[in-house]
Protein backbone atom coordinates (compact mmCIF):
# COMPACT_ATOMS: atom_id res chain seq x y z
CA MET A 1 -99.05 70.25 9.50
CA SER A 2 -98.04 73.66 10.82
CA TYR A 3 -100.32 75.53 13.20
CA ARG A 4 -101.82 78.78 11.93
CA ALA A 5 -103.38 81.19 14.40
CA PRO A 6 -107.04 81.88 13.43
CA VAL A 7 -106.58 85.65 13.52
CA GLU A 8 -109.43 86.41 11.12
CA ASP A 9 -112.00 84.55 13.21
CA ILE A 10 -110.66 85.99 16.47
CA ARG A 11 -110.86 89.51 15.04
CA PHE A 12 -114.43 88.86 13.85
CA VAL A 13 -115.53 87.63 17.30
CA LEU A 14 -113.86 90.52 19.12
CA ARG A 15 -115.43 93.13 16.87
CA GLU A 16 -118.84 91.67 16.04
CA LEU A 17 -119.73 89.73 19.19
CA ALA A 18 -117.54 90.77 22.16
CA GLY A 19 -117.91 94.52 21.59
CA LEU A 20 -114.25 95.46 21.19
CA GLU A 21 -115.05 98.97 19.92
CA ALA A 22 -117.30 99.73 22.91
CA VAL A 23 -114.73 98.34 25.36
CA LEU A 24 -111.94 100.46 23.86
CA ALA A 25 -114.09 103.54 24.54
CA LEU A 26 -114.22 102.81 28.28
CA PRO A 27 -112.02 104.64 30.81
CA GLY A 28 -108.62 103.01 30.96
CA TYR A 29 -108.73 101.72 27.39
CA GLU A 30 -109.34 104.96 25.49
CA ASP A 31 -105.66 105.18 24.56
CA VAL A 32 -105.71 101.74 22.90
CA PRO A 33 -106.71 102.16 19.24
CA ALA A 34 -108.29 99.25 17.36
CA ASP A 35 -105.39 99.10 14.91
CA VAL A 36 -103.03 98.44 17.85
CA VAL A 37 -105.18 95.46 18.81
CA ASP A 38 -104.96 94.20 15.23
CA ALA A 39 -101.19 94.62 15.26
CA VAL A 40 -100.92 92.75 18.59
CA LEU A 41 -102.98 89.84 17.26
CA GLU A 42 -100.88 89.62 14.10
CA GLU A 43 -97.55 89.88 15.90
CA HIS A 44 -98.55 87.37 18.55
CA ALA A 45 -99.68 84.99 15.80
CA ARG A 46 -96.25 85.22 14.18
CA PHE A 47 -94.57 84.62 17.52
CA VAL A 48 -96.53 81.51 18.43
CA GLU A 49 -96.38 80.06 14.93
CA GLN A 50 -92.62 80.51 14.63
CA ALA A 51 -91.29 80.25 18.19
CA VAL A 52 -93.82 78.12 20.12
CA ALA A 53 -95.57 75.71 17.74
CA PRO A 54 -92.30 73.92 16.83
CA LEU A 55 -91.97 72.95 20.54
CA ASP A 56 -95.19 70.98 20.67
CA VAL A 57 -94.14 67.57 19.35
CA PRO A 58 -90.57 67.62 20.76
CA GLY A 59 -91.96 68.61 24.15
CA ASP A 60 -94.27 65.59 24.04
CA ARG A 61 -91.51 63.17 23.04
CA HIS A 62 -88.79 64.61 25.29
CA PRO A 63 -90.61 65.58 28.50
CA ALA A 64 -89.43 67.75 31.34
CA ALA A 65 -86.91 65.79 33.43
CA TRP A 66 -86.10 65.79 37.17
CA ASP A 67 -82.54 65.49 38.53
CA GLU A 68 -81.92 65.75 42.28
CA GLY A 69 -84.47 68.49 42.79
CA SER A 70 -83.73 70.42 39.61
CA VAL A 71 -85.94 70.27 36.52
CA ARG A 72 -84.82 70.54 32.92
CA THR A 73 -87.56 71.63 30.50
CA PRO A 74 -87.75 70.12 26.99
CA PRO A 75 -85.38 71.28 24.26
CA GLY A 76 -86.17 74.80 23.08
CA PHE A 77 -88.45 75.78 25.97
CA ARG A 78 -85.88 78.03 27.68
CA GLN A 79 -85.08 79.86 24.45
CA ALA A 80 -88.76 80.32 23.61
CA HIS A 81 -89.50 81.63 27.09
CA ALA A 82 -86.62 84.10 26.79
CA ALA A 83 -88.13 85.33 23.52
CA PHE A 84 -91.55 85.51 25.21
CA VAL A 85 -90.04 87.71 27.93
CA ARG A 86 -88.21 89.99 25.47
CA ALA A 87 -91.45 90.58 23.55
CA GLY A 88 -93.36 91.55 26.72
CA TRP A 89 -96.22 89.09 26.21
CA GLN A 90 -96.69 88.22 29.90
CA GLY A 91 -97.96 91.66 30.87
CA LEU A 92 -100.32 92.06 27.91
CA PRO A 93 -103.69 92.18 29.80
CA HIS A 94 -102.41 93.58 33.09
CA ASP A 95 -102.47 97.03 34.66
CA ALA A 96 -100.05 99.43 33.00
CA ALA A 97 -99.46 101.18 36.34
CA HIS A 98 -97.62 98.07 37.53
CA GLY A 99 -95.71 97.38 34.33
CA GLY A 100 -98.32 95.63 32.20
CA GLN A 101 -99.43 96.52 28.69
CA GLY A 102 -102.95 97.49 29.80
CA LEU A 103 -104.84 95.83 26.93
CA PRO A 104 -108.39 94.50 27.39
CA ARG A 105 -108.84 91.06 28.89
CA MET A 106 -110.58 89.89 25.74
CA VAL A 107 -107.34 90.49 23.82
CA GLY A 108 -105.42 88.59 26.49
CA ALA A 109 -107.89 85.72 26.17
CA ALA A 110 -107.40 85.66 22.41
CA THR A 111 -103.62 85.50 22.67
CA SER A 112 -103.93 82.89 25.40
CA GLU A 113 -105.89 80.72 22.99
CA THR A 114 -103.29 80.91 20.24
CA ILE A 115 -100.26 80.22 22.45
CA ASN A 116 -102.06 77.23 23.96
CA SER A 117 -102.96 75.93 20.51
CA ALA A 118 -99.33 76.26 19.50
CA CYS A 119 -98.01 74.33 22.53
CA MET A 120 -100.17 73.84 25.60
CA SER A 121 -97.31 72.46 27.69
CA PHE A 122 -95.28 75.63 27.15
CA ALA A 123 -98.20 78.01 27.62
CA LEU A 124 -99.14 76.65 31.03
CA CYS A 125 -96.25 78.50 32.67
CA SER A 126 -97.49 81.96 31.68
CA LEU A 127 -101.10 80.98 32.48
CA LEU A 128 -100.24 80.33 36.13
CA THR A 129 -98.09 83.46 36.30
CA ASP A 130 -101.09 85.51 35.16
CA GLY A 131 -103.02 84.20 38.15
CA VAL A 132 -100.30 85.16 40.63
CA ILE A 133 -100.21 88.65 39.12
CA ASP A 134 -104.00 88.97 39.54
CA VAL A 135 -103.81 87.92 43.21
CA LEU A 136 -101.06 90.38 44.03
CA LEU A 137 -102.80 93.20 42.19
CA LEU A 138 -106.00 92.67 44.16
CA ALA A 139 -104.77 91.41 47.55
CA GLY A 140 -101.01 91.96 47.81
CA SER A 141 -99.54 94.59 50.09
CA PRO A 142 -97.85 97.62 48.49
CA GLU A 143 -94.48 96.13 49.48
CA GLN A 144 -95.33 92.77 47.89
CA GLN A 145 -96.53 94.49 44.74
CA ALA A 146 -93.38 96.58 44.48
CA ARG A 147 -91.08 93.64 45.16
CA TYR A 148 -92.65 90.94 42.98
CA LEU A 149 -94.91 92.42 40.30
CA PRO A 150 -92.30 94.01 38.00
CA ALA A 151 -90.42 90.76 37.39
CA LEU A 152 -93.64 88.75 37.16
CA MET A 153 -95.11 91.22 34.66
CA GLU A 154 -91.99 90.92 32.54
CA GLY A 155 -92.06 87.12 32.77
CA ARG A 156 -88.52 86.98 34.20
CA TRP A 157 -90.09 85.34 37.25
CA THR A 158 -92.95 82.88 37.04
CA GLY A 159 -95.69 81.90 39.47
CA THR A 160 -97.58 78.87 40.73
CA MET A 161 -100.69 77.99 42.71
CA ASN A 162 -100.21 75.48 45.56
CA LEU A 163 -103.49 74.03 46.78
CA THR A 164 -103.54 70.26 46.43
CA GLU A 165 -102.02 67.83 48.95
CA PRO A 166 -101.91 64.03 48.92
CA ALA A 167 -104.88 63.81 51.31
CA ALA A 168 -106.58 67.05 50.23
CA GLY A 169 -107.59 67.19 46.60
CA SER A 170 -110.73 69.18 45.86
CA ASP A 171 -111.65 69.19 49.56
CA LEU A 172 -109.31 71.90 50.82
CA ALA A 173 -110.74 71.66 54.32
CA LEU A 174 -108.44 68.66 54.74
CA LEU A 175 -105.15 70.39 53.97
CA THR A 176 -102.46 70.11 56.64
CA SER A 177 -99.60 72.39 55.53
CA THR A 178 -98.63 74.73 58.36
CA ALA A 179 -97.39 78.29 58.64
CA ARG A 180 -95.62 79.28 61.88
CA PRO A 181 -95.18 83.01 62.56
CA VAL A 182 -91.61 83.88 63.62
CA GLY A 183 -92.12 87.41 64.92
CA ASP A 184 -90.60 89.45 62.09
CA GLY A 185 -93.70 89.50 59.89
CA SER A 186 -92.73 86.33 58.06
CA TYR A 187 -93.81 82.73 58.55
CA ARG A 188 -92.11 79.35 58.22
CA ILE A 189 -94.06 77.03 55.92
CA SER A 190 -94.01 73.23 56.22
CA GLY A 191 -95.89 70.61 54.23
CA GLN A 192 -96.22 68.85 50.90
CA LYS A 193 -98.04 70.02 47.76
CA ILE A 194 -98.74 67.91 44.67
CA PHE A 195 -99.78 68.54 41.07
CA ILE A 196 -97.97 71.90 40.98
CA THR A 197 -97.69 72.99 37.37
CA TYR A 198 -94.25 74.49 36.67
CA GLY A 199 -93.48 74.15 40.39
CA GLU A 200 -89.81 73.78 39.41
CA HIS A 201 -88.13 74.53 36.09
CA ASP A 202 -85.13 76.17 34.45
CA MET A 203 -86.78 78.95 32.43
CA ALA A 204 -86.94 81.78 35.00
CA ASP A 205 -84.69 83.47 37.55
CA ASN A 206 -87.21 82.92 40.35
CA ILE A 207 -90.51 81.15 41.01
CA VAL A 208 -93.16 82.76 43.20
CA HIS A 209 -95.38 80.17 44.88
CA LEU A 210 -98.77 81.04 46.35
CA VAL A 211 -99.33 78.46 49.08
CA LEU A 212 -102.40 77.62 51.16
CA ALA A 213 -101.52 76.67 54.76
CA ARG A 214 -102.78 76.90 58.34
CA THR A 215 -101.39 78.95 61.20
CA PRO A 216 -101.07 77.10 64.55
CA ASP A 217 -104.22 78.58 66.10
CA ALA A 218 -106.34 78.55 62.94
CA PRO A 219 -109.93 77.26 63.16
CA ALA A 220 -110.70 73.91 61.55
CA GLY A 221 -111.95 73.57 57.98
CA VAL A 222 -111.75 76.11 55.20
CA ARG A 223 -112.22 78.98 57.68
CA GLY A 224 -108.68 78.36 58.94
CA ILE A 225 -106.85 78.58 55.63
CA SER A 226 -104.40 81.42 54.95
CA LEU A 227 -102.46 82.32 51.80
CA PHE A 228 -98.70 82.81 51.71
CA LEU A 229 -96.24 84.03 49.12
CA VAL A 230 -93.20 81.73 49.12
CA PRO A 231 -90.42 82.56 46.63
CA LYS A 232 -87.97 79.91 45.46
CA TYR A 233 -85.22 82.47 46.14
CA LEU A 234 -85.68 85.12 48.78
CA VAL A 235 -85.70 88.60 47.27
CA ASP A 236 -83.23 91.16 48.61
CA ASP A 237 -83.80 94.89 48.98
CA SER A 238 -82.53 95.53 45.47
CA GLY A 239 -85.26 93.28 44.07
CA GLU A 240 -82.90 90.50 43.03
CA PRO A 241 -83.07 86.79 43.97
CA GLY A 242 -80.88 85.95 46.95
CA ALA A 243 -80.73 82.96 49.30
CA ARG A 244 -82.33 79.65 48.29
CA ASN A 245 -85.57 79.11 50.21
CA ASP A 246 -86.55 75.79 51.83
CA VAL A 247 -88.83 74.57 49.04
CA TRP A 248 -87.75 71.43 47.22
CA CYS A 249 -89.02 69.54 44.18
CA ALA A 250 -89.18 65.89 45.24
CA SER A 251 -90.33 64.50 41.89
CA LEU A 252 -92.32 65.08 38.71
CA GLU A 253 -95.56 63.32 37.86
CA HIS A 254 -95.70 60.97 34.85
CA LYS A 255 -98.82 61.99 32.95
CA LEU A 256 -101.15 60.98 30.14
CA GLY A 257 -100.42 64.20 28.24
CA ILE A 258 -98.89 67.70 28.39
CA HIS A 259 -95.57 65.94 28.86
CA GLY A 260 -93.50 69.04 28.28
CA SER A 261 -95.05 70.76 31.31
CA PRO A 262 -93.38 69.79 34.63
CA THR A 263 -95.99 68.84 37.22
CA ALA A 264 -94.12 68.90 40.52
CA VAL A 265 -94.35 67.44 43.99
CA LEU A 266 -93.08 70.23 46.25
CA LEU A 267 -91.79 69.83 49.80
CA TYR A 268 -91.80 72.86 52.10
CA GLY A 269 -89.72 72.97 55.25
CA GLN A 270 -87.62 69.86 54.77
CA GLY A 271 -84.26 71.52 55.37
CA GLY A 272 -81.11 70.01 53.90
CA ALA A 273 -78.35 71.06 51.55
CA HIS A 274 -80.74 72.62 49.05
CA SER A 275 -81.83 75.32 51.53
CA GLU A 276 -79.67 78.30 52.50
CA ILE A 277 -81.97 79.55 55.25
CA GLY A 278 -82.46 76.50 57.47
CA GLU A 279 -85.56 74.43 58.00
CA GLY A 280 -88.96 75.89 57.14
CA ALA A 281 -89.66 77.82 53.96
CA VAL A 282 -89.92 81.58 54.46
CA GLY A 283 -93.35 82.81 53.46
CA TYR A 284 -95.25 86.09 53.62
CA LEU A 285 -98.95 86.42 54.39
CA VAL A 286 -101.09 87.67 51.50
CA GLY A 287 -104.11 89.52 52.85
CA GLU A 288 -105.39 88.50 56.28
CA GLU A 289 -104.99 85.29 58.23
CA ASN A 290 -107.79 82.75 57.77
CA ARG A 291 -109.00 84.42 54.55
CA GLY A 292 -106.66 82.59 52.22
CA LEU A 293 -109.24 80.57 50.33
CA GLU A 294 -111.27 83.69 49.64
CA ILE A 295 -108.18 85.35 48.16
CA MET A 296 -107.06 82.24 46.30
CA PHE A 297 -110.43 82.16 44.57
CA ILE A 298 -109.23 85.24 42.67
CA MET A 299 -106.56 83.08 41.10
CA MET A 300 -108.80 80.03 40.84
CA ASN A 301 -111.52 81.93 38.98
CA ALA A 302 -108.96 83.41 36.60
CA ALA A 303 -107.42 79.97 36.11
CA ARG A 304 -110.82 78.36 35.52
CA PHE A 305 -111.59 80.82 32.76
CA ALA A 306 -108.08 80.39 31.33
CA VAL A 307 -108.46 76.59 31.26
CA GLY A 308 -111.72 77.08 29.37
CA VAL A 309 -109.74 79.07 26.81
CA GLN A 310 -107.29 76.16 26.67
CA GLY A 311 -110.28 74.05 25.65
CA VAL A 312 -110.90 76.40 22.72
CA ALA A 313 -107.22 76.07 21.85
CA ALA A 314 -107.37 72.27 21.82
CA CYS A 315 -110.50 72.36 19.64
CA GLU A 316 -108.74 74.60 17.10
CA ARG A 317 -105.59 72.47 17.00
CA ALA A 318 -107.60 69.27 16.59
CA TRP A 319 -109.73 70.79 13.82
CA GLN A 320 -106.74 72.16 11.92
CA LYS A 321 -104.99 68.79 11.99
CA ALA A 322 -108.10 66.88 10.95
CA ALA A 323 -109.05 69.29 8.17
CA ALA A 324 -105.54 69.25 6.70
CA TYR A 325 -105.37 65.45 6.79
CA ALA A 326 -108.85 65.02 5.29
CA ALA A 327 -108.00 67.34 2.39
CA GLU A 328 -104.92 65.31 1.50
CA ARG A 329 -105.91 61.72 2.27
CA MET A 330 -107.17 60.01 -0.91
CA GLN A 331 -109.41 57.06 -0.16
CA GLY A 332 -112.67 55.66 -1.53
CA ARG A 333 -114.85 56.78 -4.37
CA ALA A 334 -117.51 59.43 -3.98
CA VAL A 335 -120.93 58.07 -3.00
CA GLU A 336 -122.40 59.73 -6.09
CA GLY A 337 -119.73 58.11 -8.23
CA SER A 338 -116.22 59.14 -9.29
CA PRO A 339 -113.55 57.74 -11.61
CA GLY A 340 -111.13 57.14 -8.76
CA PRO A 341 -110.41 57.85 -5.10
CA VAL A 342 -111.33 61.26 -3.68
CA PRO A 343 -110.05 63.14 -0.63
CA ILE A 344 -111.84 61.82 2.43
CA ALA A 345 -113.05 65.37 3.08
CA HIS A 346 -115.51 64.70 0.24
CA HIS A 347 -117.24 61.85 2.08
CA PRO A 348 -120.49 62.85 3.84
CA ASP A 349 -119.65 61.46 7.27
CA VAL A 350 -116.19 62.99 7.31
CA GLN A 351 -117.84 66.27 6.38
CA ARG A 352 -120.16 65.78 9.36
CA LEU A 353 -117.22 65.14 11.67
CA LEU A 354 -115.27 68.14 10.41
CA GLY A 355 -118.36 70.35 10.48
CA THR A 356 -119.08 69.39 14.08
CA MET A 357 -115.47 70.05 15.07
CA ARG A 358 -115.48 73.47 13.44
CA ALA A 359 -118.84 74.38 14.97
CA LEU A 360 -117.64 73.39 18.45
CA THR A 361 -114.40 75.33 17.94
CA GLU A 362 -116.00 78.56 16.76
CA GLY A 363 -118.89 78.31 19.21
CA SER A 364 -116.61 77.82 22.19
CA ARG A 365 -114.32 80.64 21.04
CA ALA A 366 -117.23 83.04 20.76
CA LEU A 367 -118.52 81.98 24.17
CA ALA A 368 -115.14 82.57 25.83
CA LEU A 369 -114.29 85.89 24.19
CA VAL A 370 -117.74 87.35 24.83
CA ALA A 371 -117.35 86.36 28.50
CA ALA A 372 -113.94 88.06 28.55
CA GLY A 373 -115.63 91.19 27.25
CA GLU A 374 -118.02 91.05 30.21
CA ARG A 375 -115.01 91.05 32.53
CA ASP A 376 -113.60 94.12 30.78
CA ARG A 377 -116.89 95.92 31.30
CA ALA A 378 -117.09 94.76 34.90
CA THR A 379 -113.82 96.55 35.69
CA HIS A 380 -114.03 99.58 33.39
CA GLU A 381 -117.68 100.66 33.05
CA THR A 382 -118.39 104.16 34.34
CA THR A 383 -121.08 103.41 36.95
CA PRO A 384 -121.18 100.98 39.89
CA GLU A 385 -124.51 99.60 38.63
CA ALA A 386 -123.10 98.79 35.20
CA ARG A 387 -119.96 97.24 36.68
CA ALA A 388 -122.03 95.07 39.01
CA ARG A 389 -124.32 93.95 36.19
CA HIS A 390 -121.44 92.89 33.95
CA GLN A 391 -119.58 91.28 36.86
CA ALA A 392 -122.64 89.13 37.58
CA VAL A 393 -122.80 88.00 33.95
CA TYR A 394 -119.08 87.26 33.86
CA GLU A 395 -119.21 85.21 37.06
CA TYR A 396 -122.22 83.33 35.68
CA CYS A 397 -120.27 82.56 32.51
CA VAL A 398 -117.02 81.34 34.14
CA PRO A 399 -118.22 77.80 35.01
CA ILE A 400 -119.94 77.58 31.62
CA VAL A 401 -116.75 78.52 29.78
CA LYS A 402 -114.61 76.23 31.91
CA ALA A 403 -116.84 73.17 31.67
CA PHE A 404 -118.32 73.43 28.19
CA CYS A 405 -115.15 74.48 26.37
CA THR A 406 -113.06 71.75 28.01
CA GLU A 407 -115.61 68.96 27.57
CA VAL A 408 -116.08 69.76 23.88
CA ALA A 409 -112.28 69.97 23.53
CA VAL A 410 -112.07 66.29 24.46
CA GLU A 411 -114.91 65.58 22.01
CA ALA A 412 -113.29 67.54 19.19
CA ALA A 413 -109.93 65.88 19.81
CA SER A 414 -111.59 62.47 19.75
CA LEU A 415 -113.38 63.33 16.52
CA GLY A 416 -110.01 64.39 15.13
CA VAL A 417 -108.61 60.94 15.84
CA GLN A 418 -111.67 59.48 14.09
CA VAL A 419 -111.12 61.62 10.99
CA HIS A 420 -107.57 60.29 10.77
CA GLY A 421 -108.86 56.72 11.00
CA GLY A 422 -106.17 54.19 11.85
CA MET A 423 -103.50 56.85 11.46
CA GLY A 424 -105.16 58.78 14.28
CA PHE A 425 -104.16 56.00 16.67
CA ILE A 426 -100.53 56.32 15.59
CA GLU A 427 -98.52 58.92 17.49
CA GLU A 428 -96.70 60.23 14.42
CA ALA A 429 -99.93 61.68 13.03
CA GLY A 430 -100.23 64.05 16.00
CA ALA A 431 -103.98 63.65 16.56
CA ALA A 432 -103.42 61.37 19.54
CA GLN A 433 -101.27 63.98 21.30
CA VAL A 434 -104.03 66.58 21.03
CA TYR A 435 -106.44 64.08 22.58
CA ARG A 436 -104.03 63.20 25.40
CA ASP A 437 -103.24 66.84 26.11
CA ALA A 438 -106.91 67.86 26.11
CA ARG A 439 -108.01 65.17 28.53
CA ILE A 440 -106.73 67.00 31.61
CA LEU A 441 -108.76 70.13 30.88
CA PRO A 442 -112.14 68.98 32.31
CA ILE A 443 -110.22 68.07 35.51
CA TYR A 444 -107.88 71.05 35.95
CA GLU A 445 -108.94 73.80 38.38
CA GLY A 446 -112.04 71.94 39.50
CA THR A 447 -113.73 69.11 37.64
CA THR A 448 -116.82 69.59 35.52
CA ALA A 449 -118.93 68.42 38.47
CA ILE A 450 -117.32 71.04 40.75
CA GLN A 451 -118.09 73.74 38.17
CA ALA A 452 -121.65 72.41 37.91
CA ASN A 453 -122.20 72.42 41.67
CA ASP A 454 -120.98 76.03 41.76
CA PHE A 455 -123.22 76.84 38.79
CA ILE A 456 -126.48 75.67 40.35
CA GLY A 457 -125.61 76.59 43.93
CA ARG A 458 -123.96 80.00 43.61
CA LYS A 459 -124.81 81.18 40.12
CA ILE A 460 -128.46 80.10 39.83
CA GLY A 461 -129.70 79.24 43.32
CA ARG A 462 -128.29 82.29 45.07
CA ASP A 463 -130.13 84.86 42.92
CA GLY A 464 -133.15 82.70 42.07
CA GLY A 465 -132.07 82.46 38.43
CA ALA A 466 -132.06 86.23 37.83
CA VAL A 467 -128.87 86.35 35.72
CA ALA A 468 -129.91 83.20 33.85
CA ARG A 469 -133.23 84.79 32.91
CA SER A 470 -131.52 88.03 31.82
CA GLN A 471 -129.39 85.98 29.44
CA MET A 472 -132.43 84.16 28.10
CA ALA A 473 -134.16 87.49 27.47
CA ALA A 474 -131.17 88.61 25.41
CA MET A 475 -131.28 85.32 23.49
CA ARG A 476 -134.92 85.93 22.62
CA GLU A 477 -133.99 89.36 21.24
CA THR A 478 -131.54 87.60 18.93
CA LEU A 479 -134.31 85.21 17.90
CA GLU A 480 -136.49 88.14 16.84
CA ALA A 481 -133.65 89.59 14.77
CA LEU A 482 -133.10 86.25 13.05
CA ARG A 483 -136.79 85.98 12.15
CA GLN A 484 -136.78 89.42 10.51
CA VAL A 485 -134.23 88.43 7.86
CA THR A 486 -135.44 87.80 4.33
CA GLY A 487 -133.67 87.39 1.02
CA PRO A 488 -130.94 84.88 0.14
CA ASP A 489 -129.88 84.27 3.74
CA GLY A 490 -133.41 84.13 5.13
CA ALA A 491 -133.82 80.37 5.02
CA ALA A 492 -130.52 79.75 6.80
CA LEU A 493 -131.28 82.25 9.56
CA ALA A 494 -134.81 80.91 9.95
CA LEU A 495 -133.38 77.42 10.49
CA ILE A 496 -130.96 78.76 13.10
CA ALA A 497 -133.85 80.60 14.80
CA ALA A 498 -136.00 77.47 14.95
CA ARG A 499 -133.28 75.37 16.57
CA LEU A 500 -132.19 78.15 18.95
CA ALA A 501 -135.79 78.77 20.04
CA ASP A 502 -136.19 75.12 21.01
CA ALA A 503 -132.89 75.20 22.89
CA VAL A 504 -133.74 78.37 24.82
CA ASP A 505 -137.10 76.89 25.81
CA ALA A 506 -135.29 73.78 27.08
CA TYR A 507 -132.83 75.98 28.98
CA GLU A 508 -135.59 77.96 30.67
CA ALA A 509 -137.58 74.87 31.66
CA SER A 510 -134.47 73.19 33.06
CA VAL A 511 -133.41 76.21 35.12
CA ASN A 512 -136.92 76.42 36.58
CA GLN A 513 -136.90 72.73 37.43
CA VAL A 514 -133.49 72.86 39.12
CA LEU A 515 -134.58 75.89 41.17
CA ASP A 516 -137.57 73.88 42.35
CA GLN A 517 -135.35 70.88 43.13
CA LEU A 518 -132.94 73.00 45.14
CA ALA A 519 -135.87 73.82 47.42
CA ASN A 520 -137.51 70.39 47.48
CA ASP A 521 -135.16 67.62 46.32
CA VAL A 522 -131.55 68.69 46.69
CA ARG A 523 -130.03 65.35 45.62
CA ALA A 524 -131.96 65.44 42.36
CA ALA A 525 -130.84 69.04 41.83
CA PHE A 526 -127.18 68.12 42.11
CA GLN A 527 -127.74 65.06 39.92
CA SER A 528 -128.98 67.58 37.33
CA SER A 529 -126.04 69.94 37.78
CA VAL A 530 -123.72 68.67 35.03
CA PRO A 531 -126.51 68.19 32.46
CA LEU A 532 -127.72 71.73 33.20
CA LEU A 533 -124.23 73.19 32.89
CA MET A 534 -123.63 71.43 29.58
CA LEU A 535 -127.08 72.53 28.41
CA ALA A 536 -126.18 76.11 29.30
CA GLY A 537 -122.88 75.88 27.42
CA THR A 538 -124.57 74.37 24.39
CA VAL A 539 -127.16 77.16 24.29
CA HIS A 540 -124.83 80.07 25.11
CA ALA A 541 -122.38 79.03 22.39
CA GLY A 542 -125.31 78.50 20.01
CA TRP A 543 -126.57 81.98 20.82
CA GLN A 544 -123.20 83.49 19.95
CA MET A 545 -123.10 81.51 16.71
CA ALA A 546 -126.57 82.88 15.88
CA ARG A 547 -125.29 86.40 16.52
CA ALA A 548 -122.31 85.58 14.30
CA ALA A 549 -124.69 84.49 11.55
CA LEU A 550 -126.51 87.82 11.81
CA ALA A 551 -123.23 89.72 11.58
CA ALA A 552 -122.11 87.67 8.57
CA HIS A 553 -125.48 88.34 6.93
CA ARG A 554 -125.09 92.09 7.46
CA HIS A 555 -121.70 92.05 5.73
CA ARG A 556 -123.10 90.05 2.82
CA GLU A 557 -126.15 92.30 2.51
CA GLN A 558 -123.99 95.45 2.56
CA GLY A 559 -121.56 94.10 -0.01
CA THR A 560 -118.65 93.85 2.43
CA GLY A 561 -118.91 90.09 2.78
CA ASP A 562 -116.37 87.62 1.45
CA ASP A 563 -115.68 83.89 1.63
CA PHE A 564 -115.05 84.17 5.37
CA HIS A 565 -118.57 85.46 6.01
CA GLY A 566 -120.10 82.74 3.87
CA GLU A 567 -118.18 80.11 5.81
CA LYS A 568 -119.23 81.71 9.11
CA LEU A 569 -122.88 81.52 8.11
CA ALA A 570 -122.44 77.88 7.10
CA THR A 571 -120.75 77.02 10.39
CA ALA A 572 -123.55 78.72 12.33
CA VAL A 573 -126.08 76.52 10.50
CA LEU A 574 -123.99 73.46 11.35
CA TYR A 575 -123.91 74.43 15.01
CA ALA A 576 -127.66 74.95 15.03
CA THR A 577 -128.40 71.60 13.40
CA GLN A 578 -125.58 69.38 14.72
CA VAL A 579 -125.01 70.74 18.25
CA LEU A 580 -128.03 72.72 19.49
CA PRO A 581 -130.37 69.67 19.41
CA ARG A 582 -128.30 68.30 22.31
CA ALA A 583 -130.08 70.82 24.53
CA ALA A 584 -133.27 68.75 24.34
CA GLY A 585 -131.40 65.66 25.45
CA HIS A 586 -129.89 67.43 28.45
CA ALA A 587 -133.33 68.84 29.32
CA SER A 588 -134.86 65.37 29.16
CA THR A 589 -132.19 64.04 31.54
CA ILE A 590 -132.93 66.86 33.97
CA ALA A 591 -136.69 66.30 33.70
CA ASP A 592 -136.25 62.66 34.70
CA SER A 593 -133.79 63.30 37.53
CA THR A 594 -136.26 63.04 40.40
CA ARG A 595 -137.56 59.70 39.12
CA VAL A 596 -134.05 58.39 38.45
CA GLN A 597 -132.50 59.35 41.79
CA PRO A 598 -133.80 56.29 43.74
CA PHE A 599 -132.24 53.99 41.15
CA LEU A 600 -128.88 55.75 41.46
CA ASP A 601 -129.06 55.46 45.24
CA GLY A 602 -129.62 51.74 44.81
CA ILE A 603 -126.49 51.12 42.76
């Protein structure tokens, strides 16, 4: 089946939940009318449906290939990237003063979802480039910004993030790559980096690597890490690529999924015929020495949120495939009786599977786009107090979006295989590819456990749960609004309110318990970290679905509702009844954590 971008649902979430109209009224966005946003969403949908989605299956079956240090991307990728560049999509959410389009981040998140649904392997290149742009905008020198940002904004050059080494995965304190100053303001970089997405490819004129390394006199551990900009080709004074730098692609990884995306092993400072500048890759310090990890967290945080959006994308693709197959596959008679076979979409358990998939998809989308709206407010509100408040909420939401949206993506993709039955296990059906592609997402940019440790340590423990409680207070306001509704939709909204109330109570009790454990039983607290993060994601997405139900009700009550609003209300009920009860299970796991810890220690 062909992918169709869910523009109607995205538009609904942006307007009704993420506050698009209020964001467009903020300084910096006042010249962006709502109809331009609509036009961007529609045009981007056409682009990804026509130019990107056809790459998905061929890219899986004919992966990126390595040949003596060069990498050939799958058939059609170069042409699609050229079209992507011509249309100006790379700069969509970035500062117009540096060549971007200057649209809100929530619009960028929406278009990121649809391009990743169309072909995740292709979309990964622009995702990493976005992160490099963000780092240079916030920490690059004026010279670095002038030299690199225009081509990156256009997409003519692409970017990568180089953290991981063979002996230094998530523990960056162990990295050994070195950066030797040579006296002219540049450094010579030596070392090996692995798992570098689009570290080498044939789609762009240059690749800008951001590399973590140590200077010779750097202190041990993470305090001694610096960040360097290392271009594949050195850039001359005219801004054009020149001599080949000493960075070399030694191989590509063979992966479970996302086959079209080249995941490179990169060697820095190996010398040889591939380099035109001698041994040691030329690099340029970004920011200050020994503050590289702090700066790289700009890119990592952006990438974590973006990977969460990839989770939404995988959910949508899995649901679309499963729903289309279930509507066409004739098998079995209806449980209430029928003269012959019926589409499997008529069977109660398939309806349950599809309903759960749709609820997870729309809940995770709402969660992500509302968080993106918080980032827009954090950078464009008119007072420091308002910016700080929204920044705190956004930072609180990043690990939730990253972990919850990616974990449920794997679940939705697995359910999609189940809907297909035996055909789901056959590659030609396409459901298996979605599952394989989605499986990396809870690992990328920090595993779910790493997000959870950050969540309880930095996001809850550091402020004593203040932001968490502010979010719960807002949830309780939504509960009151749900309880006020009467009339035809009253029963549905009352059911949503009952389930959400239980979930919020579980959330509050679990946050309080983990705060106590952080002070008195730290091992039990960190044992509770993933259950608490998944509980938070379950409840936050459920809250947004409850708000969506209220918005759909308003349209129906005012006579502006249509089939879409009826389906939205139905999906909100499904989320409340099929997904929100999981909150109690997570809370029970957290409640037992202190008693369970000795048994885990004994294994």
